[in-house]
Amino acid sequence: GVTLRPVTDAAGAELMARAHERAFGTDGARLLHQVLRRLEEAPEEFVAVMAVDGEGEPVCSGRMELHPGTGFAGLWGGGTVAAWRGKGIYRALVAH
């Protein structure tokens, strides 16, 4: 199984970037920078969650960016590591 964890600090942001790298096969440095900036500048407008396996390895992550005063939010960067797809993990992140 997996455990859902909110991303609230640099350590969580690093795990989120690693989940992104594993899911998409791309460099997570840009995402890491974006997440750290959002956590520092406007944490009330940003919600990020990741799923980790029993060994603490990130297998899925995604984020929601709120737009104050609009009632609108965007879902971004949702990705699941190939071996974990089809198990409802991303759905659980969104429901969280």
PDB file of N, CA and C in Angstrom:
ATOM      1  N   GLY A   1       0.807  -1.174   0.000  1.00  0.00           N
ATOM      2  CA  GLY A   1       0.000   0.000   0.000  1.00  0.00           C
ATOM      3  C   GLY A   1       0.862   1.254   0.000  1.00  0.00           C
ATOM      4  N   VAL A   2       0.187   2.370   0.044  1.00  0.00           N
ATOM      5  CA  VAL A   2       0.856   3.666   0.056  1.00  0.00           C
ATOM      6  C   VAL A   2       0.309   4.522   1.186  1.00  0.00           C
ATOM      7  N   THR A   3       1.065   5.544   1.516  1.00  0.00           N
ATOM      8  CA  THR A   3       0.655   6.531   2.510  1.00  0.00           C
ATOM      9  C   THR A   3       0.639   7.890   1.839  1.00  0.00           C
ATOM     10  N   LEU A   4      -0.428   8.655   2.051  1.00  0.00           N
ATOM     11  CA  LEU A   4      -0.507  10.011   1.515  1.00  0.00           C
ATOM     12  C   LEU A   4       0.147  10.968   2.498  1.00  0.00           C
ATOM     13  N   ARG A   5       0.942  11.888   1.966  1.00  0.00           N
ATOM     14  CA  ARG A   5       1.621  12.878   2.799  1.00  0.00           C
ATOM     15  C   ARG A   5       1.469  14.259   2.179  1.00  0.00           C
ATOM     16  N   PRO A   6       1.100  15.250   2.984  1.00  0.00           N
ATOM     17  CA  PRO A   6       1.096  16.620   2.462  1.00  0.00           C
ATOM     18  C   PRO A   6       2.529  17.098   2.255  1.00  0.00           C
ATOM     19  N   VAL A   7       2.710  17.956   1.281  1.00  0.00           N
ATOM     20  CA  VAL A   7       4.020  18.555   1.012  1.00  0.00           C
ATOM     21  C   VAL A   7       4.002  19.940   1.649  1.00  0.00           C
ATOM     22  N   THR A   8       4.778  20.102   2.723  1.00  0.00           N
ATOM     23  CA  THR A   8       4.751  21.363   3.473  1.00  0.00           C
ATOM     24  C   THR A   8       6.129  21.968   3.700  1.00  0.00           C
ATOM     25  N   ASP A   9       7.168  21.270   3.251  1.00  0.00           N
ATOM     26  CA  ASP A   9       8.526  21.760   3.504  1.00  0.00           C
ATOM     27  C   ASP A   9       9.470  21.306   2.394  1.00  0.00           C
ATOM     28  N   ALA A  10      10.740  21.682   2.526  1.00  0.00           N
ATOM     29  CA  ALA A  10      11.730  21.367   1.493  1.00  0.00           C
ATOM     30  C   ALA A  10      11.901  19.861   1.300  1.00  0.00           C
ATOM     31  N   ALA A  11      11.886  19.102   2.381  1.00  0.00           N
ATOM     32  CA  ALA A  11      12.042  17.648   2.257  1.00  0.00           C
ATOM     33  C   ALA A  11      10.893  17.047   1.452  1.00  0.00           C
ATOM     34  N   GLY A  12       9.682  17.514   1.717  1.00  0.00           N
ATOM     35  CA  GLY A  12       8.528  17.043   0.957  1.00  0.00           C
ATOM     36  C   GLY A  12       8.597  17.467  -0.497  1.00  0.00           C
ATOM     37  N   ALA A  13       9.066  18.691  -0.735  1.00  0.00           N
ATOM     38  CA  ALA A  13       9.205  19.185  -2.106  1.00  0.00           C
ATOM     39  C   ALA A  13      10.208  18.339  -2.882  1.00  0.00           C
ATOM     40  N   GLU A  14      11.280  17.927  -2.223  1.00  0.00           N
ATOM     41  CA  GLU A  14      12.280  17.082  -2.883  1.00  0.00           C
ATOM     42  C   GLU A  14      11.698  15.715  -3.236  1.00  0.00           C
ATOM     43  N   LEU A  15      10.911  15.142  -2.337  1.00  0.00           N
ATOM     44  CA  LEU A  15      10.259  13.868  -2.641  1.00  0.00           C
ATOM     45  C   LEU A  15       9.259  14.028  -3.777  1.00  0.00           C
ATOM     46  N   MET A  16       8.547  15.148  -3.778  1.00  0.00           N
ATOM     47  CA  MET A  16       7.587  15.408  -4.851  1.00  0.00           C
ATOM     48  C   MET A  16       8.302  15.486  -6.199  1.00  0.00           C
ATOM     49  N   ALA A  17       9.424  16.173  -6.238  1.00  0.00           N
ATOM     50  CA  ALA A  17      10.199  16.278  -7.476  1.00  0.00           C
ATOM     51  C   ALA A  17      10.696  14.900  -7.913  1.00  0.00           C
ATOM     52  N   ARG A  18      11.075  14.064  -6.961  1.00  0.00           N
ATOM     53  CA  ARG A  18      11.531  12.715  -7.299  1.00  0.00           C
ATOM     54  C   ARG A  18      10.381  11.872  -7.857  1.00  0.00           C
ATOM     55  N   ALA A  19       9.187  12.030  -7.291  1.00  0.00           N
ATOM     56  CA  ALA A  19       8.022  11.321  -7.831  1.00  0.00           C
ATOM     57  C   ALA A  19       7.778  11.752  -9.273  1.00  0.00           C
ATOM     58  N   HIS A  20       7.899  13.054  -9.526  1.00  0.00           N
ATOM     59  CA  HIS A  20       7.719  13.601 -10.873  1.00  0.00           C
ATOM     60  C   HIS A  20       8.742  12.988 -11.834  1.00  0.00           C
ATOM     61  N   GLU A  21       9.995  12.936 -11.410  1.00  0.00           N
ATOM     62  CA  GLU A  21      11.049  12.353 -12.248  1.00  0.00           C
ATOM     63  C   GLU A  21      10.761  10.890 -12.558  1.00  0.00           C
ATOM     64  N   ARG A  22      10.328  10.152 -11.563  1.00  0.00           N
ATOM     65  CA  ARG A  22      10.052   8.725 -11.752  1.00  0.00           C
ATOM     66  C   ARG A  22       8.816   8.503 -12.617  1.00  0.00           C
ATOM     67  N   ALA A  23       7.813   9.367 -12.494  1.00  0.00           N
ATOM     68  CA  ALA A  23       6.574   9.202 -13.254  1.00  0.00           C
ATOM     69  C   ALA A  23       6.720   9.628 -14.711  1.00  0.00           C
ATOM     70  N   PHE A  24       7.447  10.726 -14.941  1.00  0.00           N
ATOM     71  CA  PHE A  24       7.518  11.298 -16.284  1.00  0.00           C
ATOM     72  C   PHE A  24       8.862  11.108 -16.972  1.00  0.00           C
ATOM     73  N   GLY A  25       9.880  10.667 -16.242  1.00  0.00           N
ATOM     74  CA  GLY A  25      11.192  10.483 -16.838  1.00  0.00           C
ATOM     75  C   GLY A  25      11.879  11.783 -17.210  1.00  0.00           C
ATOM     76  N   THR A  26      11.525  12.854 -16.516  1.00  0.00           N
ATOM     77  CA  THR A  26      12.119  14.163 -16.785  1.00  0.00           C
ATOM     78  C   THR A  26      12.753  14.715 -15.520  1.00  0.00           C
ATOM     79  N   ASP A  27      13.558  15.722 -15.680  1.00  0.00           N
ATOM     80  CA  ASP A  27      14.235  16.369 -14.561  1.00  0.00           C
ATOM     81  C   ASP A  27      13.214  17.110 -13.696  1.00  0.00           C
ATOM     82  N   GLY A  28      13.257  16.898 -12.399  1.00  0.00           N
ATOM     83  CA  GLY A  28      12.321  17.536 -11.485  1.00  0.00           C
ATOM     84  C   GLY A  28      12.810  18.840 -10.891  1.00  0.00           C
ATOM     85  N   ALA A  29      13.953  19.362 -11.353  1.00  0.00           N
ATOM     86  CA  ALA A  29      14.530  20.578 -10.765  1.00  0.00           C
ATOM     87  C   ALA A  29      13.595  21.774 -10.890  1.00  0.00           C
ATOM     88  N   ARG A  30      12.968  21.936 -12.035  1.00  0.00           N
ATOM     89  CA  ARG A  30      12.059  23.074 -12.231  1.00  0.00           C
ATOM     90  C   ARG A  30      10.867  22.977 -11.276  1.00  0.00           C
ATOM     91  N   LEU A  31      10.295  21.783 -11.174  1.00  0.00           N
ATOM     92  CA  LEU A  31       9.173  21.581 -10.260  1.00  0.00           C
ATOM     93  C   LEU A  31       9.604  21.851  -8.825  1.00  0.00           C
ATOM     94  N   LEU A  32      10.758  21.355  -8.432  1.00  0.00           N
ATOM     95  CA  LEU A  32      11.258  21.590  -7.080  1.00  0.00           C
ATOM     96  C   LEU A  32      11.333  23.081  -6.792  1.00  0.00           C
ATOM     97  N   HIS A  33      11.886  23.842  -7.715  1.00  0.00           N
ATOM     98  CA  HIS A  33      11.991  25.295  -7.547  1.00  0.00           C
ATOM     99  C   HIS A  33      10.602  25.927  -7.406  1.00  0.00           C
ATOM    100  N   GLN A  34       9.655  25.520  -8.253  1.00  0.00           N
ATOM    101  CA  GLN A  34       8.295  26.073  -8.202  1.00  0.00           C
ATOM    102  C   GLN A  34       7.619  25.770  -6.866  1.00  0.00           C
ATOM    103  N   VAL A  35       7.737  24.541  -6.413  1.00  0.00           N
ATOM    104  CA  VAL A  35       7.087  24.142  -5.162  1.00  0.00           C
ATOM    105  C   VAL A  35       7.693  24.890  -3.981  1.00  0.00           C
ATOM    106  N   LEU A  36       9.007  24.979  -3.926  1.00  0.00           N
ATOM    107  CA  LEU A  36       9.653  25.717  -2.836  1.00  0.00           C
ATOM    108  C   LEU A  36       9.230  27.181  -2.838  1.00  0.00           C
ATOM    109  N   ARG A  37       9.143  27.773  -4.016  1.00  0.00           N
ATOM    110  CA  ARG A  37       8.731  29.179  -4.119  1.00  0.00           C
ATOM    111  C   ARG A  37       7.296  29.357  -3.629  1.00  0.00           C
ATOM    112  N   ARG A  38       6.394  28.461  -4.051  1.00  0.00           N
ATOM    113  CA  ARG A  38       4.993  28.571  -3.621  1.00  0.00           C
ATOM    114  C   ARG A  38       4.865  28.373  -2.109  1.00  0.00           C
ATOM    115  N   LEU A  39       5.594  27.425  -1.564  1.00  0.00           N
ATOM    116  CA  LEU A  39       5.544  27.191  -0.118  1.00  0.00           C
ATOM    117  C   LEU A  39       6.043  28.401   0.658  1.00  0.00           C
ATOM    118  N   GLU A  40       7.016  29.096   0.116  1.00  0.00           N
ATOM    119  CA  GLU A  40       7.581  30.266   0.786  1.00  0.00           C
ATOM    120  C   GLU A  40       6.718  31.506   0.602  1.00  0.00           C
ATOM    121  N   GLU A  41       6.247  31.742  -0.614  1.00  0.00           N
ATOM    122  CA  GLU A  41       5.569  33.001  -0.932  1.00  0.00           C
ATOM    123  C   GLU A  41       4.066  32.989  -0.682  1.00  0.00           C
ATOM    124  N   ALA A  42       3.402  31.870  -0.922  1.00  0.00           N
ATOM    125  CA  ALA A  42       1.939  31.847  -0.811  1.00  0.00           C
ATOM    126  C   ALA A  42       1.436  30.454  -0.432  1.00  0.00           C
ATOM    127  N   PRO A  43       1.813  29.958   0.740  1.00  0.00           N
ATOM    128  CA  PRO A  43       1.401  28.601   1.107  1.00  0.00           C
ATOM    129  C   PRO A  43      -0.113  28.432   1.227  1.00  0.00           C
ATOM    130  N   GLU A  44      -0.821  29.511   1.495  1.00  0.00           N
ATOM    131  CA  GLU A  44      -2.281  29.424   1.614  1.00  0.00           C
ATOM    132  C   GLU A  44      -2.960  29.233   0.258  1.00  0.00           C
ATOM    133  N   GLU A  45      -2.229  29.416  -0.830  1.00  0.00           N
ATOM    134  CA  GLU A  45      -2.776  29.267  -2.181  1.00  0.00           C
ATOM    135  C   GLU A  45      -2.276  27.996  -2.857  1.00  0.00           C
ATOM    136  N   PHE A  46      -1.736  27.086  -2.070  1.00  0.00           N
ATOM    137  CA  PHE A  46      -1.045  25.940  -2.651  1.00  0.00           C
ATOM    138  C   PHE A  46      -1.250  24.705  -1.782  1.00  0.00           C
ATOM    139  N   VAL A  47      -1.677  23.615  -2.394  1.00  0.00           N
ATOM    140  CA  VAL A  47      -1.830  22.343  -1.689  1.00  0.00           C
ATOM    141  C   VAL A  47      -1.147  21.273  -2.537  1.00  0.00           C
ATOM    142  N   ALA A  48      -0.196  20.585  -1.961  1.00  0.00           N
ATOM    143  CA  ALA A  48       0.489  19.502  -2.670  1.00  0.00           C
ATOM    144  C   ALA A  48       0.463  18.253  -1.805  1.00  0.00           C
ATOM    145  N   VAL A  49       0.260  17.121  -2.463  1.00  0.00           N
ATOM    146  CA  VAL A  49       0.184  15.842  -1.766  1.00  0.00           C
ATOM    147  C   VAL A  49       0.984  14.821  -2.571  1.00  0.00           C
ATOM    148  N   MET A  50       1.612  13.907  -1.866  1.00  0.00           N
ATOM    149  CA  MET A  50       2.314  12.815  -2.537  1.00  0.00           C
ATOM    150  C   MET A  50       1.947  11.508  -1.859  1.00  0.00           C
ATOM    151  N   ALA A  51       2.181  10.436  -2.585  1.00  0.00           N
ATOM    152  CA  ALA A  51       1.998   9.098  -2.038  1.00  0.00           C
ATOM    153  C   ALA A  51       3.358   8.428  -2.006  1.00  0.00           C
ATOM    154  N   VAL A  52       3.662   7.795  -0.888  1.00  0.00           N
ATOM    155  CA  VAL A  52       4.919   7.057  -0.758  1.00  0.00           C
ATOM    156  C   VAL A  52       4.602   5.593  -0.470  1.00  0.00           C
ATOM    157  N   ASP A  53       5.480   4.718  -0.957  1.00  0.00           N
ATOM    158  CA  ASP A  53       5.294   3.294  -0.703  1.00  0.00           C
ATOM    159  C   ASP A  53       5.785   2.943   0.703  1.00  0.00           C
ATOM    160  N   GLY A  54       5.754   1.679   1.047  1.00  0.00           N
ATOM    161  CA  GLY A  54       6.145   1.233   2.378  1.00  0.00           C
ATOM    162  C   GLY A  54       7.590   1.501   2.740  1.00  0.00           C
ATOM    163  N   GLU A  55       8.419   1.763   1.728  1.00  0.00           N
ATOM    164  CA  GLU A  55       9.827   2.069   1.974  1.00  0.00           C
ATOM    165  C   GLU A  55      10.108   3.568   1.946  1.00  0.00           C
ATOM    166  N   GLY A  56       9.036   4.371   1.821  1.00  0.00           N
ATOM    167  CA  GLY A  56       9.196   5.818   1.807  1.00  0.00           C
ATOM    168  C   GLY A  56       9.544   6.407   0.455  1.00  0.00           C
ATOM    169  N   GLU A  57       9.503   5.576  -0.601  1.00  0.00           N
ATOM    170  CA  GLU A  57       9.788   6.080  -1.947  1.00  0.00           C
ATOM    171  C   GLU A  57       8.533   6.716  -2.537  1.00  0.00           C
ATOM    172  N   PRO A  58       8.653   7.907  -3.133  1.00  0.00           N
ATOM    173  CA  PRO A  58       7.489   8.562  -3.717  1.00  0.00           C
ATOM    174  C   PRO A  58       7.027   7.842  -4.979  1.00  0.00           C
ATOM    175  N   VAL A  59       5.724   7.589  -5.069  1.00  0.00           N
ATOM    176  CA  VAL A  59       5.177   6.891  -6.233  1.00  0.00           C
ATOM    177  C   VAL A  59       4.139   7.718  -6.985  1.00  0.00           C
ATOM    178  N   CYS A  60       3.705   8.830  -6.403  1.00  0.00           N
ATOM    179  CA  CYS A  60       2.694   9.668  -7.042  1.00  0.00           C
ATOM    180  C   CYS A  60       2.704  11.032  -6.362  1.00  0.00           C
ATOM    181  N   SER A  61       2.410  12.064  -7.133  1.00  0.00           N
ATOM    182  CA  SER A  61       2.283  13.395  -6.533  1.00  0.00           C
ATOM    183  C   SER A  61       1.414  14.269  -7.418  1.00  0.00           C
ATOM    184  N   GLY A  62       0.933  15.334  -6.839  1.00  0.00           N
ATOM    185  CA  GLY A  62       0.141  16.312  -7.571  1.00  0.00           C
ATOM    186  C   GLY A  62      -0.062  17.533  -6.703  1.00  0.00           C
ATOM    187  N   ARG A  63      -0.478  18.610  -7.342  1.00  0.00           N
ATOM    188  CA  ARG A  63      -0.680  19.841  -6.578  1.00  0.00           C
ATOM    189  C   ARG A  63      -1.911  20.584  -7.076  1.00  0.00           C
ATOM    190  N   MET A  64      -2.467  21.402  -6.175  1.00  0.00           N
ATOM    191  CA  MET A  64      -3.597  22.259  -6.493  1.00  0.00           C
ATOM    192  C   MET A  64      -3.176  23.687  -6.198  1.00  0.00           C
ATOM    193  N   GLU A  65      -3.351  24.544  -7.174  1.00  0.00           N
ATOM    194  CA  GLU A  65      -3.037  25.955  -7.000  1.00  0.00           C
ATOM    195  C   GLU A  65      -4.345  26.735  -6.993  1.00  0.00           C
ATOM    196  N   LEU A  66      -4.589  27.422  -5.887  1.00  0.00           N
ATOM    197  CA  LEU A  66      -5.815  28.197  -5.704  1.00  0.00           C
ATOM    198  C   LEU A  66      -5.628  29.604  -6.257  1.00  0.00           C
ATOM    199  N   HIS A  67      -6.701  30.158  -6.770  1.00  0.00           N
ATOM    200  CA  HIS A  67      -6.675  31.524  -7.288  1.00  0.00           C
ATOM    201  C   HIS A  67      -7.615  32.365  -6.421  1.00  0.00           C
ATOM    202  N   PRO A  68      -7.062  33.083  -5.437  1.00  0.00           N
ATOM    203  CA  PRO A  68      -7.870  33.816  -4.464  1.00  0.00           C
ATOM    204  C   PRO A  68      -8.915  34.718  -5.113  1.00  0.00           C
ATOM    205  N   GLY A  69     -10.082  34.711  -4.499  1.00  0.00           N
ATOM    206  CA  GLY A  69     -11.158  35.579  -4.945  1.00  0.00           C
ATOM    207  C   GLY A  69     -11.901  35.086  -6.169  1.00  0.00           C
ATOM    208  N   THR A  70     -11.535  33.916  -6.697  1.00  0.00           N
ATOM    209  CA  THR A  70     -12.182  33.444  -7.919  1.00  0.00           C
ATOM    210  C   THR A  70     -13.016  32.190  -7.721  1.00  0.00           C
ATOM    211  N   GLY A  71     -12.788  31.439  -6.648  1.00  0.00           N
ATOM    212  CA  GLY A  71     -13.465  30.160  -6.485  1.00  0.00           C
ATOM    213  C   GLY A  71     -12.933  29.110  -7.453  1.00  0.00           C
ATOM    214  N   PHE A  72     -11.772  29.361  -8.024  1.00  0.00           N
ATOM    215  CA  PHE A  72     -11.175  28.477  -9.019  1.00  0.00           C
ATOM    216  C   PHE A  72      -9.850  27.926  -8.508  1.00  0.00           C
ATOM    217  N   ALA A  73      -9.567  26.698  -8.879  1.00  0.00           N
ATOM    218  CA  ALA A  73      -8.267  26.089  -8.575  1.00  0.00           C
ATOM    219  C   ALA A  73      -7.854  25.225  -9.756  1.00  0.00           C
ATOM    220  N   GLY A  74      -6.556  25.111  -9.957  1.00  0.00           N
ATOM    221  CA  GLY A  74      -6.037  24.254 -11.017  1.00  0.00           C
ATOM    222  C   GLY A  74      -5.292  23.070 -10.425  1.00  0.00           C
ATOM    223  N   LEU A  75      -5.457  21.904 -11.042  1.00  0.00           N
ATOM    224  CA  LEU A  75      -4.707  20.716 -10.646  1.00  0.00           C
ATOM    225  C   LEU A  75      -3.528  20.579 -11.596  1.00  0.00           C
ATOM    226  N   TRP A  76      -2.327  20.396 -11.039  1.00  0.00           N
ATOM    227  CA  TRP A  76      -1.106  20.392 -11.838  1.00  0.00           C
ATOM    228  C   TRP A  76      -0.179  19.256 -11.448  1.00  0.00           C
ATOM    229  N   GLY A  77       0.607  18.821 -12.406  1.00  0.00           N
ATOM    230  CA  GLY A  77       1.725  17.920 -12.156  1.00  0.00           C
ATOM    231  C   GLY A  77       1.370  16.546 -11.644  1.00  0.00           C
ATOM    232  N   GLY A  78       0.137  16.133 -11.805  1.00  0.00           N
ATOM    233  CA  GLY A  78      -0.243  14.822 -11.309  1.00  0.00           C
ATOM    234  C   GLY A  78       0.408  13.716 -12.113  1.00  0.00           C
ATOM    235  N   GLY A  79       1.144  12.871 -11.439  1.00  0.00           N
ATOM    236  CA  GLY A  79       1.789  11.760 -12.119  1.00  0.00           C
ATOM    237  C   GLY A  79       2.020  10.606 -11.174  1.00  0.00           C
ATOM    238  N   THR A  80       1.923   9.410 -11.726  1.00  0.00           N
ATOM    239  CA  THR A  80       2.117   8.189 -10.947  1.00  0.00           C
ATOM    240  C   THR A  80       3.184   7.338 -11.623  1.00  0.00           C
ATOM    241  N   VAL A  81       4.084   6.794 -10.841  1.00  0.00           N
ATOM    242  CA  VAL A  81       5.118   5.893 -11.349  1.00  0.00           C
ATOM    243  C   VAL A  81       4.431   4.712 -12.049  1.00  0.00           C
ATOM    244  N   ALA A  82       4.961   4.310 -13.198  1.00  0.00           N
ATOM    245  CA  ALA A  82       4.320   3.302 -14.051  1.00  0.00           C
ATOM    246  C   ALA A  82       3.875   2.047 -13.293  1.00  0.00           C
ATOM    247  N   ALA A  83       4.704   1.516 -12.443  1.00  0.00           N
ATOM    248  CA  ALA A  83       4.370   0.280 -11.728  1.00  0.00           C
ATOM    249  C   ALA A  83       3.193   0.437 -10.773  1.00  0.00           C
ATOM    250  N   TRP A  84       2.839   1.663 -10.442  1.00  0.00           N
ATOM    251  CA  TRP A  84       1.767   1.926  -9.491  1.00  0.00           C
ATOM    252  C   TRP A  84       0.490   2.436 -10.154  1.00  0.00           C
ATOM    253  N   ARG A  85       0.491   2.588 -11.460  1.00  0.00           N
ATOM    254  CA  ARG A  85      -0.692   3.104 -12.161  1.00  0.00           C
ATOM    255  C   ARG A  85      -1.828   2.086 -12.134  1.00  0.00           C
ATOM    256  N   GLY A  86      -3.054   2.608 -12.229  1.00  0.00           N
ATOM    257  CA  GLY A  86      -4.228   1.750 -12.266  1.00  0.00           C
ATOM    258  C   GLY A  86      -4.676   1.251 -10.905  1.00  0.00           C
ATOM    259  N   LYS A  87      -4.152   1.824  -9.846  1.00  0.00           N
ATOM    260  CA  LYS A  87      -4.486   1.384  -8.486  1.00  0.00           C
ATOM    261  C   LYS A  87      -5.283   2.435  -7.707  1.00  0.00           C
ATOM    262  N   GLY A  88      -5.660   3.527  -8.380  1.00  0.00           N
ATOM    263  CA  GLY A  88      -6.463   4.559  -7.727  1.00  0.00           C
ATOM    264  C   GLY A  88      -5.677   5.522  -6.857  1.00  0.00           C
ATOM    265  N   ILE A  89      -4.360   5.550  -7.005  1.00  0.00           N
ATOM    266  CA  ILE A  89      -3.549   6.406  -6.134  1.00  0.00           C
ATOM    267  C   ILE A  89      -3.762   7.882  -6.450  1.00  0.00           C
ATOM    268  N   TYR A  90      -3.736   8.252  -7.730  1.00  0.00           N
ATOM    269  CA  TYR A  90      -3.946   9.666  -8.063  1.00  0.00           C
ATOM    270  C   TYR A  90      -5.353  10.095  -7.654  1.00  0.00           C
ATOM    271  N   ARG A  91      -6.319   9.240  -7.832  1.00  0.00           N
ATOM    272  CA  ARG A  91      -7.691   9.546  -7.400  1.00  0.00           C
ATOM    273  C   ARG A  91      -7.715   9.826  -5.895  1.00  0.00           C
ATOM    274  N   ALA A  92      -6.968   9.041  -5.136  1.00  0.00           N
ATOM    275  CA  ALA A  92      -6.889   9.253  -3.685  1.00  0.00           C
ATOM    276  C   ALA A  92      -6.241  10.595  -3.362  1.00  0.00           C
ATOM    277  N   LEU A  93      -5.222  10.992  -4.142  1.00  0.00           N
ATOM    278  CA  LEU A  93      -4.597  12.302  -3.924  1.00  0.00           C
ATOM    279  C   LEU A  93      -5.612  13.417  -4.124  1.00  0.00           C
ATOM    280  N   VAL A  94      -6.365  13.333  -5.201  1.00  0.00           N
ATOM    281  CA  VAL A  94      -7.348  14.378  -5.503  1.00  0.00           C
ATOM    282  C   VAL A  94      -8.431  14.419  -4.430  1.00  0.00           C
ATOM    283  N   ALA A  95      -8.866  13.267  -3.972  1.00  0.00           N
ATOM    284  CA  ALA A  95      -9.901  13.209  -2.933  1.00  0.00           C
ATOM    285  C   ALA A  95      -9.398  13.733  -1.596  1.00  0.00           C
ATOM    286  N   HIS A  96      -8.091  13.636  -1.386  1.00  0.00           N
ATOM    287  CA  HIS A  96      -7.487  14.062  -0.127  1.00  0.00           C
ATOM    288  C   HIS A  96      -7.634  15.566   0.022  1.00  0.00           C
TER     289      HIS A  96
END
